[in-house]
C-alpha cells in the first residue's frame, strides 16, 4: 500500500490526468492523514491550529494549480479516481507506520520495498514475457533517471519516512505532500528554465505556513506558581 499500489495507480492515472490536477488531488493525502490520525493514535490531537494548517496548504495548491488544472476536472473520471486512491494509500501508510513505531525503521523500509518490488515484478510479468523485459535496453539518460528515482526518492526517502513518522507523528510527516508540487515548480524554473509565475511564490508561502502550523505544537500555558507566605 505504500509503494507498489500507489506507484501503479499514479502511473495509470496520469496517462489521462494533467500534472497540475494530479498535484491538487495528491493534496488529499495530508488532509486525510491529519483528520484520521486522532482516531488511530490517541497522542495525535486535532485542533484549530492543525485545521488552519491544512486549510493553508490546500489554499496554496489551489492558488497555484486551480486556474489551469480544474479545466480538466470531471473528464477522465476513472483516471482521477486512481490518483485519489494513490493519495489515500499514502495517508493510510503514514498512519500504519505510526502504529508500529516500535519496529526498526530499516526493517520496515526494507520490507515495504521488497514486497512492493515483488508485486510490481509479478504484474509486469503478466503483461511482458520474461525474455523480453530487457529488449531494447541501453544506458541512456532515461536509464540513469530511473536509477536515481529508485535510489533517492524511493529507497532513501522510504527509509527517512519510516524513521520520522514514529518520532514526529503522522500529521507532521504528511505535510511534505503540500511541499512537493510547489517545490517541483520552483525547480522547473531553475533547472528547466520554465517561466516564473508570482503564483509560485504565493503558493510556497502558504505551504510553508501550513507546515509550520501543523509541525509546531501550541505552546503550553504556564501554570501559576503558588507562593506561600
Protein backbone atom coordinates (compact mmCIF):
# COMPACT_ATOMS: atom_id res chain seq x y z
CA UNK A 1 0.00 0.00 0.00
CA UNK A 2 2.96 2.32 0.48
CA UNK A 3 4.91 1.61 -2.70
CA UNK A 4 3.64 -0.77 -5.40
CA UNK A 5 -0.06 0.14 -5.28
CA UNK A 6 0.22 3.97 -5.26
CA UNK A 7 3.02 3.87 -7.85
CA UNK A 8 0.81 1.79 -10.15
CA UNK A 9 -2.25 3.97 -9.56
CA UNK A 10 -0.33 7.16 -10.33
CA UNK A 11 1.30 5.65 -13.42
CA UNK A 12 -2.05 4.62 -14.89
CA UNK A 13 -3.94 7.69 -13.71
CA UNK A 14 -1.51 10.29 -15.05
CA UNK A 15 -1.84 8.96 -18.57
CA UNK A 16 -5.09 10.94 -18.79
CA UNK A 17 -4.72 13.49 -15.96
CA UNK A 18 -2.55 16.61 -16.11
CA UNK A 19 0.24 17.21 -13.63
CA UNK A 20 -1.48 20.22 -12.06
CA UNK A 21 -4.71 18.39 -11.35
CA UNK A 22 -2.73 15.40 -10.06
CA UNK A 23 -0.90 17.69 -7.63
CA UNK A 24 -4.19 19.07 -6.35
CA UNK A 25 -5.61 15.61 -5.79
CA UNK A 26 -2.44 14.40 -4.06
CA UNK A 27 -3.12 17.17 -1.53
CA UNK A 28 -5.81 14.83 -0.18
CA UNK A 29 -3.05 12.75 1.48
CA UNK A 30 -2.03 15.23 4.21
CA UNK A 31 -5.66 16.27 4.71
CA UNK A 32 -6.78 12.67 5.24
CA UNK A 33 -3.80 11.96 7.50
CA UNK A 34 -4.44 14.93 9.78
CA UNK A 35 -8.17 14.19 10.01
CA UNK A 36 -7.79 10.44 10.61
CA UNK A 37 -4.73 10.49 12.89
CA UNK A 38 -6.66 11.31 16.12
CA UNK A 39 -8.93 8.29 15.53
CA UNK A 40 -5.96 5.95 15.09
CA UNK A 41 -3.39 7.40 17.50
CA UNK A 42 -4.57 8.88 20.79
CA UNK A 43 -1.47 11.08 21.10
CA UNK A 44 -2.18 12.97 17.87
CA UNK A 45 -4.76 15.63 18.63
CA UNK A 46 -6.84 17.52 16.07
CA UNK A 47 -7.07 21.18 17.00
CA UNK A 48 -7.79 24.51 15.33
CA UNK A 49 -4.09 25.06 14.66
CA UNK A 50 -3.75 21.88 12.58
CA UNK A 51 -7.01 22.55 10.75
CA UNK A 52 -5.74 26.02 9.87
CA UNK A 53 -2.52 24.47 8.60
CA UNK A 54 -4.44 22.05 6.37
CA UNK A 55 -6.54 24.94 5.04
CA UNK A 56 -3.40 26.96 4.26
CA UNK A 57 -1.87 24.02 2.41
CA UNK A 58 -4.97 23.46 0.31
CA UNK A 59 -5.13 27.19 -0.43
CA UNK A 60 -1.53 27.12 -1.62
CA UNK A 61 -2.18 24.26 -4.05
CA UNK A 62 -5.42 25.84 -5.28
CA UNK A 63 -3.75 29.20 -5.80
CA UNK A 64 -1.02 27.59 -7.83
CA UNK A 65 -2.82 24.98 -9.90
CA UNK A 66 -6.57 25.63 -9.91
CA UNK A 67 -6.79 28.12 -12.84
CA UNK A 68 -5.47 25.57 -15.33
CA UNK A 69 -5.84 22.26 -13.51
CA UNK A 70 -9.56 22.45 -12.84
CA UNK A 71 -10.26 22.78 -16.55
CA UNK A 72 -9.82 19.01 -16.75
CA UNK A 73 -11.84 18.19 -13.65
CA UNK A 74 -14.71 15.83 -14.38
CA UNK A 75 -13.08 14.46 -17.51
CA UNK A 76 -11.45 11.03 -17.42
CA UNK A 77 -13.09 10.42 -14.05
CA UNK A 78 -11.70 6.90 -13.81
CA UNK A 79 -8.11 8.18 -14.01
CA UNK A 80 -8.83 10.86 -11.41
CA UNK A 81 -10.21 8.21 -9.04
CA UNK A 82 -6.94 6.30 -9.44
CA UNK A 83 -4.93 9.39 -8.40
CA UNK A 84 -7.18 9.92 -5.38
CA UNK A 85 -6.73 6.26 -4.50
CA UNK A 86 -2.95 6.73 -4.54
CA UNK A 87 -3.25 9.74 -2.23
CA UNK A 88 -5.34 7.73 0.24
CA UNK A 89 -2.79 4.91 0.08
CA UNK A 90 -0.09 7.32 1.24
CA UNK A 91 -2.35 8.59 4.03
CA UNK A 92 -3.12 5.09 5.35
CA UNK A 93 0.54 4.09 5.04
CA UNK A 94 1.57 7.03 7.20
CA UNK A 95 -0.97 6.07 9.86
CA UNK A 96 0.07 2.41 9.67
CA UNK A 97 3.76 3.22 10.19
CA UNK A 98 2.93 5.39 13.19
CA UNK A 99 1.04 2.49 14.75
CA UNK A 100 4.09 0.21 14.55
CA UNK A 101 6.63 2.69 15.86
CA UNK A 102 8.38 0.02 17.93
CA UNK A 103 9.78 -1.75 14.84
CA UNK A 104 13.19 -0.72 13.43
CA UNK A 105 12.86 1.80 10.55
CA UNK A 106 15.31 -0.14 8.36
CA UNK A 107 13.27 -3.32 8.78
CA UNK A 108 10.03 -1.55 7.86
CA UNK A 109 11.56 0.24 4.87
CA UNK A 110 13.25 -2.88 3.52
CA UNK A 111 10.14 -4.98 3.95
CA UNK A 112 7.95 -2.40 2.23
CA UNK A 113 10.27 -2.02 -0.76
CA UNK A 114 10.90 -5.75 -1.17
CA UNK A 115 7.20 -6.60 -1.11
CA UNK A 116 6.45 -3.70 -3.46
CA UNK A 117 9.18 -4.81 -5.88
CA UNK A 118 7.93 -8.42 -5.89
CA UNK A 119 4.34 -7.34 -6.57
CA UNK A 120 5.41 -4.90 -9.30
CA UNK A 121 7.53 -7.56 -10.99
CA UNK A 122 4.69 -10.08 -10.79
CA UNK A 123 2.27 -7.71 -12.54
CA UNK A 124 4.94 -6.79 -15.10
CA UNK A 125 5.45 -10.45 -15.98
CA UNK A 126 1.72 -10.77 -16.63
CA UNK A 127 1.95 -8.22 -19.45
CA UNK A 128 5.53 -8.75 -20.70
CA UNK A 129 7.26 -12.03 -21.44
CA UNK A 130 10.25 -12.52 -19.09
CA UNK A 131 12.64 -12.88 -22.05
CA UNK A 132 11.51 -9.51 -23.41
CA UNK A 133 11.96 -7.46 -20.23
CA UNK A 134 15.36 -6.09 -21.30
CA UNK A 135 14.68 -5.81 -25.03
CA UNK A 136 15.97 -2.50 -26.35
CA UNK A 137 17.63 -1.60 -23.04
CA UNK A 138 20.61 0.74 -23.17
CA UNK A 139 22.35 3.05 -20.72
CA UNK A 140 20.74 6.36 -21.67
CA UNK A 141 19.90 9.49 -19.65
CA UNK A 142 16.46 7.95 -19.07
CA UNK A 143 18.09 4.84 -17.59
CA UNK A 144 20.10 6.93 -15.15
CA UNK A 145 16.94 8.86 -14.28
CA UNK A 146 15.20 5.59 -13.39
CA UNK A 147 18.24 4.54 -11.34
CA UNK A 148 18.17 7.86 -9.49
CA UNK A 149 14.43 7.52 -8.81
CA UNK A 150 14.95 4.03 -7.42
CA UNK A 151 17.77 5.05 -5.06
CA UNK A 152 16.97 8.51 -3.69
CA UNK A 153 13.24 9.36 -3.97
CA UNK A 154 12.29 5.73 -3.29
CA UNK A 155 14.82 3.80 -1.17
CA UNK A 156 16.40 6.69 0.78
CA UNK A 157 13.13 8.60 1.09
CA UNK A 158 11.31 5.49 2.33
CA UNK A 159 13.94 4.90 5.00
CA UNK A 160 13.68 8.53 6.16
CA UNK A 161 9.89 8.25 6.11
CA UNK A 162 9.85 5.18 8.37
CA UNK A 163 12.41 6.86 10.63
CA UNK A 164 10.50 10.14 11.03
CA UNK A 165 6.86 9.04 11.37
CA UNK A 166 7.28 7.35 14.79
CA UNK A 167 9.30 10.32 16.07
CA UNK A 168 7.40 13.40 14.90
CA UNK A 169 3.97 11.98 14.11
CA UNK A 170 1.90 11.09 11.08
CA UNK A 171 0.27 14.51 10.67
CA UNK A 172 3.59 16.34 10.52
CA UNK A 173 5.26 13.97 8.07
CA UNK A 174 2.24 14.04 5.76
CA UNK A 175 2.69 17.77 5.17
CA UNK A 176 5.51 17.01 2.72
CA UNK A 177 2.77 16.31 0.17
CA UNK A 178 1.95 20.02 0.21
CA UNK A 179 5.58 20.95 -0.41
CA UNK A 180 6.35 18.56 -3.28
CA UNK A 181 4.34 20.15 -6.12
CA UNK A 182 5.31 23.70 -5.19
CA UNK A 183 9.00 22.83 -4.81
CA UNK A 184 8.83 20.93 -8.09
CA UNK A 185 7.53 24.00 -9.86
CA UNK A 186 10.37 26.11 -8.46
CA UNK A 187 12.89 23.52 -9.62
CA UNK A 188 11.25 23.60 -13.04
CA UNK A 189 12.01 27.31 -13.21
CA UNK A 190 15.62 26.90 -12.06
CA UNK A 191 16.58 23.66 -13.81
CA UNK A 192 14.31 23.53 -16.85
CA UNK A 193 14.05 27.31 -17.33
CA UNK A 194 10.27 27.23 -17.25
CA UNK A 195 8.52 30.63 -16.95
CA UNK A 196 8.27 32.01 -13.40
CA UNK A 197 4.87 32.98 -12.01
CA UNK A 198 4.08 35.03 -8.93
CA UNK A 199 1.63 32.27 -8.03
CA UNK A 200 4.63 30.03 -7.28
CA UNK A 201 5.89 32.42 -4.62
CA UNK A 202 2.48 32.94 -3.01
CA UNK A 203 1.82 29.19 -3.01
CA UNK A 204 5.18 28.49 -1.39
CA UNK A 205 4.46 30.98 1.40
CA UNK A 206 1.06 29.39 2.06
CA UNK A 207 2.56 25.91 2.09
CA UNK A 208 5.32 26.95 4.50
CA UNK A 209 2.66 28.44 6.77
CA UNK A 210 0.76 25.15 6.59
CA UNK A 211 3.82 23.10 7.52
CA UNK A 212 4.63 25.45 10.39
CA UNK A 213 1.11 25.32 11.85
CA UNK A 214 0.92 21.52 11.73
CA UNK A 215 4.51 20.89 12.81
CA UNK A 216 4.71 23.22 15.80
CA UNK A 217 2.62 22.44 18.82
CA UNK A 218 0.77 25.22 20.56
CA UNK A 219 2.89 26.40 23.48
CA UNK A 220 1.52 25.26 26.78
CA UNK A 221 0.32 27.89 29.19
CA UNK A 222 2.50 28.34 32.23
CA UNK A 223 0.84 27.15 35.37
CA UNK A 224 0.57 29.74 38.12
CA UNK A 225 3.00 29.17 40.94
CA UNK A 226 1.61 29.39 44.42
CA UNK A 227 3.79 31.40 46.75
CA UNK A 228 3.44 30.53 50.39
CA UNK A 229 3.99 33.34 52.86
